[in-house]
Protein backbone atom coordinates (compact mmCIF):
# COMPACT_ATOMS: atom_id res chain seq x y z
CA MET A 1 45.51 134.63 127.71
CA TYR A 2 47.53 131.72 126.92
CA LEU A 3 44.88 129.19 128.48
CA LYS A 4 42.17 130.79 126.18
CA TRP A 5 44.24 130.48 123.00
CA MET A 6 44.91 126.97 124.07
CA GLY A 7 41.52 126.33 124.69
CA GLU A 8 40.44 127.65 121.13
CA LYS A 9 43.21 125.69 119.43
CA MET A 10 42.40 122.05 121.18
CA TRP A 11 40.54 121.08 117.82
CA ALA A 12 43.82 120.63 116.15
CA PHE A 13 45.64 118.15 118.63
CA ARG A 14 43.72 115.05 117.83
CA PRO A 15 44.29 115.34 113.83
CA VAL A 16 48.08 116.25 114.38
CA GLN A 17 48.43 113.44 116.73
CA ALA A 18 47.25 110.84 113.88
CA ALA A 19 49.40 112.64 111.27
CA VAL A 20 52.60 112.19 113.52
CA ALA A 21 51.84 108.43 114.22
CA GLN A 22 51.37 107.73 110.59
CA HIS A 23 54.61 109.46 110.07
CA LYS A 24 56.62 107.76 112.85
CA ALA A 25 55.16 104.54 111.39
CA THR A 26 56.82 104.96 108.23
CA PHE A 27 60.47 104.63 109.93
CA LYS A 28 59.54 100.70 110.57
CA GLU A 29 59.93 100.39 106.57
CA TRP A 30 63.80 101.31 106.67
CA PRO A 31 66.47 98.87 107.60
CA ALA A 32 68.61 99.53 110.54
CA LEU A 33 71.92 100.97 109.49
CA THR A 34 74.81 98.67 110.44
CA PRO A 35 78.41 98.70 109.06
CA GLU A 36 77.52 95.53 107.04
CA THR A 37 74.04 97.27 105.33
CA PRO A 38 75.10 98.10 101.65
CA ALA A 39 74.60 101.86 100.84
CA GLU A 40 72.26 100.32 97.90
CA ARG A 41 70.11 99.54 100.74
CA ASN A 42 69.76 102.56 102.48
CA GLY A 43 69.63 105.23 100.15
CA GLY A 44 73.19 106.04 100.03
CA VAL A 45 73.25 107.26 103.66
CA GLY A 46 76.45 106.49 105.68
CA ASN A 47 78.76 106.34 102.71
């Protein structure tokens, strides 16, 4: 039963893979968090 369901849903894998890759690419825009990074540059994270 699971294999039948999986086979019927295969069409969704390719678009999801592209969306995840696009989302992961946005993380390259953020600076690395280091103790020297000012809070203004990292959105207040690590205060």
